[in-house]
Amino acid sequence: MNKFRGLVKSHTTAASLLCVGFLGATVWGSGLLRAQSHGGGASPSDDALIADFRRVEVASVSDALEQLTGKRWYMSHRMHPILTTKFAGFARTVLLKKDEGNSDPDALNGMLEAIDQGSADSVYVMAIEDGDNIAGMGGLMGTAMAARGYAGAVIDGGVRDVAYLRKIGFPVYATGIVPSTSVHHYRFGGSQIPVTCDGVTVNAGDIVAADSDGVVVIPRAKALEVLKLAQQMDFKEHSMYAVIEQMKSIVEAVKNFGRL
């Protein structure tokens, strides 16, 4: 009788695994059909690409990038959100260079013009030289970005007017919250140029994705390849949860799915 029960249990577990695997394949197949609907082997539109990156987890995107490039493309634990959020969009880069005590009224005009030149699905990516204690943006800039449909902002430096930014629900990742200003301390150093943001190189037009796990940068040329692998990783991981609960073993689940 015990052997019979063990056999039934074994078959039940196997059947569960097959069902989960079939479900994952079905979901993945629907993803392929969606990709094919964009034109077979042709690249999907920018809107569709960003929409797909918003559906996958940043952790899976980070893993996919590391597997495909052998490099780190995620920002460190220093970069955190002012509110829980998830977004993806195309990088609009800005650099601020230190210029202590300057009295030039136009020193930061380019920083503001860069916002007005952006559009829906832009992500404002600002690098500030030694900017941990300087607010690179606040409520006014956040309002302008929100009005233009920006997906969010990533600031390698501080942010202020946080209560207002939370009120309007505009997503910002920054290395800290500070009340200071960049006026008279910094000068615009250029926009739509390569910048280093929390140790990661960001080029204009790269895809920036963020969620509760942090921020990752996807080089534009690698976007489709990264997206496909990240989707596979997501589907596999999500399929594992029920199997782990049923088998009460993460070891067996990892053996069966090959994902950790």
C-alpha atoms as a PDB file:
ATOM      1  CA  MET A   1       0.000   0.000   0.000  1.00  0.00           C
ATOM      2  CA  ASN A   2       2.834   2.409   0.891  1.00  0.00           C
ATOM      3  CA  LYS A   3       4.514   1.638  -2.427  1.00  0.00           C
ATOM      4  CA  PHE A   4       1.225   2.305  -4.216  1.00  0.00           C
ATOM      5  CA  ARG A   5       0.801   5.634  -2.426  1.00  0.00           C
ATOM      6  CA  GLY A   6       4.373   6.556  -3.252  1.00  0.00           C
ATOM      7  CA  LEU A   7       3.756   5.702  -6.896  1.00  0.00           C
ATOM      8  CA  VAL A   8       0.584   7.810  -6.972  1.00  0.00           C
ATOM      9  CA  LYS A   9       2.363  10.706  -5.282  1.00  0.00           C
ATOM     10  CA  SER A  10       5.237  10.452  -7.776  1.00  0.00           C
ATOM     11  CA  HIS A  11       2.853  10.478 -10.721  1.00  0.00           C
ATOM     12  CA  THR A  12       0.897  13.386  -9.230  1.00  0.00           C
ATOM     13  CA  THR A  13       4.048  15.456  -8.803  1.00  0.00           C
ATOM     14  CA  ALA A  14       5.165  14.623 -12.321  1.00  0.00           C
ATOM     15  CA  ALA A  15       1.765  15.574 -13.663  1.00  0.00           C
ATOM     16  CA  SER A  16       1.910  18.855 -11.767  1.00  0.00           C
ATOM     17  CA  LEU A  17       5.309  19.620 -13.215  1.00  0.00           C
ATOM     18  CA  LEU A  18       4.072  18.824 -16.706  1.00  0.00           C
ATOM     19  CA  CYS A  19       1.025  21.063 -16.208  1.00  0.00           C
ATOM     20  CA  VAL A  20       3.150  23.933 -14.969  1.00  0.00           C
ATOM     21  CA  GLY A  21       5.576  23.412 -17.814  1.00  0.00           C
ATOM     22  CA  PHE A  22       2.722  23.422 -20.306  1.00  0.00           C
ATOM     23  CA  LEU A  23       1.348  26.623 -18.763  1.00  0.00           C
ATOM     24  CA  GLY A  24       4.746  28.273 -19.004  1.00  0.00           C
ATOM     25  CA  ALA A  25       5.099  27.168 -22.618  1.00  0.00           C
ATOM     26  CA  THR A  26       1.617  28.491 -23.376  1.00  0.00           C
ATOM     27  CA  VAL A  27       2.415  31.885 -21.860  1.00  0.00           C
ATOM     28  CA  TRP A  28       5.784  31.993 -23.612  1.00  0.00           C
ATOM     29  CA  GLY A  29       4.065  31.020 -26.865  1.00  0.00           C
ATOM     30  CA  SER A  30       1.668  33.924 -26.477  1.00  0.00           C
ATOM     31  CA  GLY A  31       4.684  36.181 -26.035  1.00  0.00           C
ATOM     32  CA  LEU A  32       6.152  34.872 -29.280  1.00  0.00           C
ATOM     33  CA  LEU A  33       2.847  35.419 -31.071  1.00  0.00           C
ATOM     34  CA  ARG A  34       2.786  38.987 -29.797  1.00  0.00           C
ATOM     35  CA  ALA A  35       6.343  39.500 -31.070  1.00  0.00           C
ATOM     36  CA  GLN A  36       5.430  37.984 -34.435  1.00  0.00           C
ATOM     37  CA  SER A  37       2.416  40.284 -34.674  1.00  0.00           C
ATOM     38  CA  HIS A  38       4.885  43.176 -34.814  1.00  0.00           C
ATOM     39  CA  GLY A  39       6.092  41.855 -38.150  1.00  0.00           C
ATOM     40  CA  GLY A  40       7.698  38.442 -37.894  1.00  0.00           C
ATOM     41  CA  GLY A  41      11.444  38.926 -37.645  1.00  0.00           C
ATOM     42  CA  ALA A  42      11.132  42.698 -37.774  1.00  0.00           C
ATOM     43  CA  SER A  43      11.842  44.820 -34.717  1.00  0.00           C
ATOM     44  CA  PRO A  44       8.782  45.767 -32.680  1.00  0.00           C
ATOM     45  CA  SER A  45       7.808  49.400 -32.444  1.00  0.00           C
ATOM     46  CA  ASP A  46       9.307  51.505 -29.677  1.00  0.00           C
ATOM     47  CA  ASP A  47       5.956  51.582 -27.879  1.00  0.00           C
ATOM     48  CA  ALA A  48       5.647  47.796 -27.968  1.00  0.00           C
ATOM     49  CA  LEU A  49       9.252  47.318 -26.850  1.00  0.00           C
ATOM     50  CA  ILE A  50       8.813  49.578 -23.822  1.00  0.00           C
ATOM     51  CA  ALA A  51       5.480  47.945 -22.989  1.00  0.00           C
ATOM     52  CA  ASP A  52       7.160  44.533 -22.957  1.00  0.00           C
ATOM     53  CA  PHE A  53      10.020  45.741 -20.737  1.00  0.00           C
ATOM     54  CA  ARG A  54       7.435  47.062 -18.279  1.00  0.00           C
ATOM     55  CA  ARG A  55       6.027  43.530 -17.964  1.00  0.00           C
ATOM     56  CA  VAL A  56       9.271  41.767 -17.066  1.00  0.00           C
ATOM     57  CA  GLU A  57      11.030  41.959 -13.722  1.00  0.00           C
ATOM     58  CA  VAL A  58      14.180  44.050 -13.430  1.00  0.00           C
ATOM     59  CA  ALA A  59      15.935  41.127 -11.722  1.00  0.00           C
ATOM     60  CA  SER A  60      15.326  38.946 -14.796  1.00  0.00           C
ATOM     61  CA  VAL A  61      16.542  41.732 -17.090  1.00  0.00           C
ATOM     62  CA  SER A  62      19.687  42.095 -14.976  1.00  0.00           C
ATOM     63  CA  ASP A  63      20.326  38.336 -15.093  1.00  0.00           C
ATOM     64  CA  ALA A  64      19.755  38.268 -18.854  1.00  0.00           C
ATOM     65  CA  LEU A  65      22.199  41.131 -19.404  1.00  0.00           C
ATOM     66  CA  GLU A  66      24.870  39.490 -17.292  1.00  0.00           C
ATOM     67  CA  GLN A  67      24.406  36.172 -19.097  1.00  0.00           C
ATOM     68  CA  LEU A  68      24.570  37.774 -22.554  1.00  0.00           C
ATOM     69  CA  THR A  69      27.315  40.357 -21.962  1.00  0.00           C
ATOM     70  CA  GLY A  70      29.247  39.162 -18.922  1.00  0.00           C
ATOM     71  CA  LYS A  71      28.957  42.662 -17.471  1.00  0.00           C
ATOM     72  CA  ARG A  72      27.035  44.451 -14.736  1.00  0.00           C
ATOM     73  CA  TRP A  73      24.300  46.738 -16.045  1.00  0.00           C
ATOM     74  CA  TYR A  74      22.422  47.360 -12.786  1.00  0.00           C
ATOM     75  CA  MET A  75      22.804  50.323 -10.452  1.00  0.00           C
ATOM     76  CA  SER A  76      23.851  49.705  -6.868  1.00  0.00           C
ATOM     77  CA  HIS A  77      21.875  49.685  -3.619  1.00  0.00           C
ATOM     78  CA  ARG A  78      22.572  53.432  -3.363  1.00  0.00           C
ATOM     79  CA  MET A  79      19.975  54.095  -6.056  1.00  0.00           C
ATOM     80  CA  HIS A  80      16.531  53.845  -4.519  1.00  0.00           C
ATOM     81  CA  PRO A  81      13.010  55.138  -5.264  1.00  0.00           C
ATOM     82  CA  ILE A  82      11.149  57.901  -3.489  1.00  0.00           C
ATOM     83  CA  LEU A  83       7.984  55.787  -3.922  1.00  0.00           C
ATOM     84  CA  THR A  84       7.293  52.199  -4.931  1.00  0.00           C
ATOM     85  CA  THR A  85       7.137  52.145  -8.686  1.00  0.00           C
ATOM     86  CA  LYS A  86       7.798  50.258 -11.920  1.00  0.00           C
ATOM     87  CA  PHE A  87       8.699  51.875 -15.219  1.00  0.00           C
ATOM     88  CA  ALA A  88      10.698  51.563 -18.422  1.00  0.00           C
ATOM     89  CA  GLY A  89      11.627  54.114 -21.041  1.00  0.00           C
ATOM     90  CA  PHE A  90      14.332  55.570 -23.253  1.00  0.00           C
ATOM     91  CA  ALA A  91      17.219  57.387 -21.582  1.00  0.00           C
ATOM     92  CA  ARG A  92      17.480  61.143 -21.964  1.00  0.00           C
ATOM     93  CA  THR A  93      20.898  61.881 -20.489  1.00  0.00           C
ATOM     94  CA  VAL A  94      22.099  65.038 -18.740  1.00  0.00           C
ATOM     95  CA  LEU A  95      25.427  65.914 -17.115  1.00  0.00           C
ATOM     96  CA  LEU A  96      25.993  68.559 -14.423  1.00  0.00           C
ATOM     97  CA  LYS A  97      29.570  69.670 -13.804  1.00  0.00           C
ATOM     98  CA  LYS A  98      30.741  71.243 -10.573  1.00  0.00           C
ATOM     99  CA  ASP A  99      31.285  75.015 -10.745  1.00  0.00           C
ATOM    100  CA  GLU A 100      31.213  76.336  -7.197  1.00  0.00           C
ATOM    101  CA  GLY A 101      30.257  79.956  -6.677  1.00  0.00           C
ATOM    102  CA  ASN A 102      29.336  80.705 -10.294  1.00  0.00           C
ATOM    103  CA  SER A 103      26.981  83.653 -10.783  1.00  0.00           C
ATOM    104  CA  ASP A 104      25.995  82.807 -14.352  1.00  0.00           C
ATOM    105  CA  PRO A 105      22.168  82.995 -14.600  1.00  0.00           C
ATOM    106  CA  ASP A 106      22.275  80.694 -17.631  1.00  0.00           C
ATOM    107  CA  ALA A 107      24.514  78.034 -16.092  1.00  0.00           C
ATOM    108  CA  LEU A 108      21.719  75.477 -15.795  1.00  0.00           C
ATOM    109  CA  ASN A 109      19.496  76.448 -18.728  1.00  0.00           C
ATOM    110  CA  GLY A 110      20.547  73.404 -20.733  1.00  0.00           C
ATOM    111  CA  MET A 111      19.361  71.122 -17.936  1.00  0.00           C
ATOM    112  CA  LEU A 112      15.859  72.592 -18.239  1.00  0.00           C
ATOM    113  CA  GLU A 113      15.870  72.664 -22.039  1.00  0.00           C
ATOM    114  CA  ALA A 114      16.720  68.969 -22.053  1.00  0.00           C
ATOM    115  CA  ILE A 115      13.456  68.297 -20.215  1.00  0.00           C
ATOM    116  CA  ASP A 116      11.401  70.285 -22.726  1.00  0.00           C
ATOM    117  CA  GLN A 117      13.018  68.394 -25.598  1.00  0.00           C
ATOM    118  CA  GLY A 118      11.924  65.022 -24.200  1.00  0.00           C
ATOM    119  CA  SER A 119       8.704  63.186 -24.914  1.00  0.00           C
ATOM    120  CA  ALA A 120       6.510  60.356 -23.711  1.00  0.00           C
ATOM    121  CA  ASP A 121       8.443  57.291 -22.462  1.00  0.00           C
ATOM    122  CA  SER A 122      11.599  59.320 -21.834  1.00  0.00           C
ATOM    123  CA  VAL A 123      13.585  58.619 -18.677  1.00  0.00           C
ATOM    124  CA  TYR A 124      15.575  61.598 -17.414  1.00  0.00           C
ATOM    125  CA  VAL A 125      19.010  60.231 -16.461  1.00  0.00           C
ATOM    126  CA  MET A 126      21.171  62.812 -14.694  1.00  0.00           C
ATOM    127  CA  ALA A 127      24.792  62.414 -13.607  1.00  0.00           C
ATOM    128  CA  ILE A 128      26.019  65.002 -11.088  1.00  0.00           C
ATOM    129  CA  GLU A 129      29.702  65.336 -10.275  1.00  0.00           C
ATOM    130  CA  ASP A 130      30.091  64.694  -6.518  1.00  0.00           C
ATOM    131  CA  GLY A 131      26.341  65.123  -6.257  1.00  0.00           C
ATOM    132  CA  ASP A 132      25.344  63.039  -3.231  1.00  0.00           C
ATOM    133  CA  ASN A 133      24.427  66.159  -1.254  1.00  0.00           C
ATOM    134  CA  ILE A 134      23.024  68.191  -4.136  1.00  0.00           C
ATOM    135  CA  ALA A 135      19.431  67.932  -5.353  1.00  0.00           C
ATOM    136  CA  GLY A 136      19.566  67.398  -9.091  1.00  0.00           C
ATOM    137  CA  MET A 137      15.808  67.829  -9.402  1.00  0.00           C
ATOM    138  CA  GLY A 138      12.713  68.700  -7.417  1.00  0.00           C
ATOM    139  CA  GLY A 139       9.029  69.380  -7.783  1.00  0.00           C
ATOM    140  CA  LEU A 140       9.198  71.876 -10.651  1.00  0.00           C
ATOM    141  CA  MET A 141      11.299  69.649 -12.889  1.00  0.00           C
ATOM    142  CA  GLY A 142       9.235  66.616 -11.899  1.00  0.00           C
ATOM    143  CA  THR A 143       6.030  68.442 -12.832  1.00  0.00           C
ATOM    144  CA  ALA A 144       7.449  69.320 -16.261  1.00  0.00           C
ATOM    145  CA  MET A 145       8.522  65.717 -16.874  1.00  0.00           C
ATOM    146  CA  ALA A 146       5.144  64.369 -15.777  1.00  0.00           C
ATOM    147  CA  ALA A 147       3.342  66.843 -18.062  1.00  0.00           C
ATOM    148  CA  ARG A 148       5.402  65.620 -21.023  1.00  0.00           C
ATOM    149  CA  GLY A 149       4.702  61.961 -20.290  1.00  0.00           C
ATOM    150  CA  TYR A 150       8.135  60.943 -19.003  1.00  0.00           C
ATOM    151  CA  ALA A 151       8.278  57.433 -17.577  1.00  0.00           C
ATOM    152  CA  GLY A 152      10.478  58.566 -14.680  1.00  0.00           C
ATOM    153  CA  ALA A 153      13.850  59.970 -13.647  1.00  0.00           C
ATOM    154  CA  VAL A 154      17.108  58.471 -12.382  1.00  0.00           C
ATOM    155  CA  ILE A 155      19.432  60.895 -10.597  1.00  0.00           C
ATOM    156  CA  ASP A 156      23.001  60.049  -9.599  1.00  0.00           C
ATOM    157  CA  GLY A 157      22.704  62.573  -6.794  1.00  0.00           C
ATOM    158  CA  GLY A 158      19.993  63.934  -4.557  1.00  0.00           C
ATOM    159  CA  VAL A 159      16.345  64.834  -5.012  1.00  0.00           C
ATOM    160  CA  ARG A 160      14.153  67.299  -3.100  1.00  0.00           C
ATOM    161  CA  ASP A 161      10.485  68.349  -2.935  1.00  0.00           C
ATOM    162  CA  VAL A 162       9.838  64.683  -2.300  1.00  0.00           C
ATOM    163  CA  ALA A 163       6.412  65.225  -0.729  1.00  0.00           C
ATOM    164  CA  TYR A 164       5.209  66.947  -3.889  1.00  0.00           C
ATOM    165  CA  LEU A 165       6.748  64.354  -6.207  1.00  0.00           C
ATOM    166  CA  ARG A 166       4.959  61.658  -4.215  1.00  0.00           C
ATOM    167  CA  LYS A 167       1.737  63.660  -4.387  1.00  0.00           C
ATOM    168  CA  ILE A 168       1.802  63.760  -8.194  1.00  0.00           C
ATOM    169  CA  GLY A 169       3.083  60.178  -8.340  1.00  0.00           C
ATOM    170  CA  PHE A 170       6.133  60.926 -10.468  1.00  0.00           C
ATOM    171  CA  PRO A 171       8.722  58.117 -10.166  1.00  0.00           C
ATOM    172  CA  VAL A 172      12.251  59.184  -9.219  1.00  0.00           C
ATOM    173  CA  TYR A 173      15.235  57.070  -8.247  1.00  0.00           C
ATOM    174  CA  ALA A 174      18.086  58.943  -6.547  1.00  0.00           C
ATOM    175  CA  THR A 175      21.015  58.285  -4.231  1.00  0.00           C
ATOM    176  CA  GLY A 176      19.469  60.369  -1.468  1.00  0.00           C
ATOM    177  CA  ILE A 177      17.011  63.023  -0.339  1.00  0.00           C
ATOM    178  CA  VAL A 178      18.495  66.458   0.375  1.00  0.00           C
ATOM    179  CA  PRO A 179      17.114  70.029   0.587  1.00  0.00           C
ATOM    180  CA  SER A 180      20.001  71.659  -1.307  1.00  0.00           C
ATOM    181  CA  THR A 181      20.112  73.346  -4.729  1.00  0.00           C
ATOM    182  CA  SER A 182      22.411  73.032  -7.712  1.00  0.00           C
ATOM    183  CA  VAL A 183      22.084  76.775  -8.481  1.00  0.00           C
ATOM    184  CA  HIS A 184      25.460  78.563  -8.152  1.00  0.00           C
ATOM    185  CA  HIS A 185      27.135  75.200  -7.515  1.00  0.00           C
ATOM    186  CA  TYR A 186      26.856  73.468 -10.894  1.00  0.00           C
ATOM    187  CA  ARG A 187      26.874  74.105 -14.603  1.00  0.00           C
ATOM    188  CA  PHE A 188      25.162  72.219 -17.419  1.00  0.00           C
ATOM    189  CA  GLY A 189      27.679  69.853 -19.014  1.00  0.00           C
ATOM    190  CA  GLY A 190      25.676  68.498 -21.929  1.00  0.00           C
ATOM    191  CA  SER A 191      22.678  66.364 -22.840  1.00  0.00           C
ATOM    192  CA  GLN A 192      22.158  63.274 -24.966  1.00  0.00           C
ATOM    193  CA  ILE A 193      25.769  62.308 -24.310  1.00  0.00           C
ATOM    194  CA  PRO A 194      27.178  59.185 -22.620  1.00  0.00           C
ATOM    195  CA  VAL A 195      27.088  59.560 -18.827  1.00  0.00           C
ATOM    196  CA  THR A 196      28.087  57.339 -15.933  1.00  0.00           C
ATOM    197  CA  CYS A 197      25.178  56.957 -13.532  1.00  0.00           C
ATOM    198  CA  ASP A 198      26.018  55.137 -10.282  1.00  0.00           C
ATOM    199  CA  GLY A 199      28.798  53.264 -12.048  1.00  0.00           C
ATOM    200  CA  VAL A 200      26.791  52.274 -15.136  1.00  0.00           C
ATOM    201  CA  THR A 201      27.365  53.810 -18.566  1.00  0.00           C
ATOM    202  CA  VAL A 202      24.146  55.191 -20.038  1.00  0.00           C
ATOM    203  CA  ASN A 203      23.852  56.344 -23.639  1.00  0.00           C
ATOM    204  CA  ALA A 204      21.011  58.437 -24.988  1.00  0.00           C
ATOM    205  CA  GLY A 205      18.324  56.072 -26.248  1.00  0.00           C
ATOM    206  CA  ASP A 206      19.299  53.144 -24.047  1.00  0.00           C
ATOM    207  CA  ILE A 207      16.383  51.549 -22.227  1.00  0.00           C
ATOM    208  CA  VAL A 208      16.174  52.166 -18.497  1.00  0.00           C
ATOM    209  CA  ALA A 209      13.944  49.863 -16.454  1.00  0.00           C
ATOM    210  CA  ALA A 210      13.165  50.129 -12.752  1.00  0.00           C
ATOM    211  CA  ASP A 211      11.051  48.391 -10.150  1.00  0.00           C
ATOM    212  CA  SER A 212      11.218  47.576  -6.436  1.00  0.00           C
ATOM    213  CA  ASP A 213      14.493  45.686  -6.985  1.00  0.00           C
ATOM    214  CA  GLY A 214      16.341  48.674  -8.464  1.00  0.00           C
ATOM    215  CA  VAL A 215      17.443  50.129 -11.802  1.00  0.00           C
ATOM    216  CA  VAL A 216      18.964  48.432 -14.838  1.00  0.00           C
ATOM    217  CA  VAL A 217      20.208  49.845 -18.159  1.00  0.00           C
ATOM    218  CA  ILE A 218      19.715  47.931 -21.404  1.00  0.00           C
ATOM    219  CA  PRO A 219      21.961  48.976 -24.326  1.00  0.00           C
ATOM    220  CA  ARG A 220      19.635  49.755 -27.230  1.00  0.00           C
ATOM    221  CA  ALA A 221      21.421  47.390 -29.610  1.00  0.00           C
ATOM    222  CA  LYS A 222      20.877  44.478 -27.198  1.00  0.00           C
ATOM    223  CA  ALA A 223      17.271  45.278 -26.296  1.00  0.00           C
ATOM    224  CA  LEU A 224      15.441  42.551 -28.253  1.00  0.00           C
ATOM    225  CA  GLU A 225      17.890  39.810 -27.297  1.00  0.00           C
ATOM    226  CA  VAL A 226      17.763  40.825 -23.624  1.00  0.00           C
ATOM    227  CA  LEU A 227      13.974  41.074 -23.649  1.00  0.00           C
ATOM    228  CA  LYS A 228      13.520  37.564 -25.079  1.00  0.00           C
ATOM    229  CA  LEU A 229      15.838  35.962 -22.503  1.00  0.00           C
ATOM    230  CA  ALA A 230      14.354  37.977 -19.620  1.00  0.00           C
ATOM    231  CA  GLN A 231      10.848  36.866 -20.617  1.00  0.00           C
ATOM    232  CA  GLN A 232      11.975  33.224 -20.611  1.00  0.00           C
ATOM    233  CA  MET A 233      13.523  33.676 -17.169  1.00  0.00           C
ATOM    234  CA  ASP A 234      10.384  35.350 -15.835  1.00  0.00           C
ATOM    235  CA  PHE A 235       8.055  32.612 -17.098  1.00  0.00           C
ATOM    236  CA  LYS A 236      10.301  29.892 -15.714  1.00  0.00           C
ATOM    237  CA  GLU A 237      10.636  31.516 -12.287  1.00  0.00           C
ATOM    238  CA  HIS A 238       6.930  32.270 -11.970  1.00  0.00           C
ATOM    239  CA  SER A 239       6.157  28.655 -12.864  1.00  0.00           C
ATOM    240  CA  MET A 240       8.422  27.458 -10.058  1.00  0.00           C
ATOM    241  CA  TYR A 241       6.526  29.042  -7.168  1.00  0.00           C
ATOM    242  CA  ALA A 242       3.646  26.544  -7.186  1.00  0.00           C
ATOM    243  CA  VAL A 243       6.021  23.613  -7.670  1.00  0.00           C
ATOM    244  CA  ILE A 244       8.151  24.682  -4.687  1.00  0.00           C
ATOM    245  CA  GLU A 245       5.023  24.977  -2.541  1.00  0.00           C
ATOM    246  CA  GLN A 246       3.800  21.531  -3.580  1.00  0.00           C
ATOM    247  CA  MET A 247       7.129  19.707  -3.393  1.00  0.00           C
ATOM    248  CA  LYS A 248       8.334  21.703  -0.376  1.00  0.00           C
ATOM    249  CA  SER A 249      11.785  21.634  -1.943  1.00  0.00           C
ATOM    250  CA  ILE A 250      13.613  24.413  -3.731  1.00  0.00           C
ATOM    251  CA  VAL A 251      16.418  21.964  -4.570  1.00  0.00           C
ATOM    252  CA  GLU A 252      14.084  19.761  -6.627  1.00  0.00           C
ATOM    253  CA  ALA A 253      12.444  22.756  -8.294  1.00  0.00           C
ATOM    254  CA  VAL A 254      15.797  24.166  -9.394  1.00  0.00           C
ATOM    255  CA  LYS A 255      16.798  20.734 -10.715  1.00  0.00           C
ATOM    256  CA  ASN A 256      13.635  20.576 -12.803  1.00  0.00           C
ATOM    257  CA  PHE A 257      13.611  24.177 -14.072  1.00  0.00           C
ATOM    258  CA  GLY A 258      17.285  25.174 -13.996  1.00  0.00           C
ATOM    259  CA  ARG A 259      16.511  28.652 -12.682  1.00  0.00           C
ATOM    260  CA  LEU A 260      17.576  30.351  -9.456  1.00  0.00           C
END
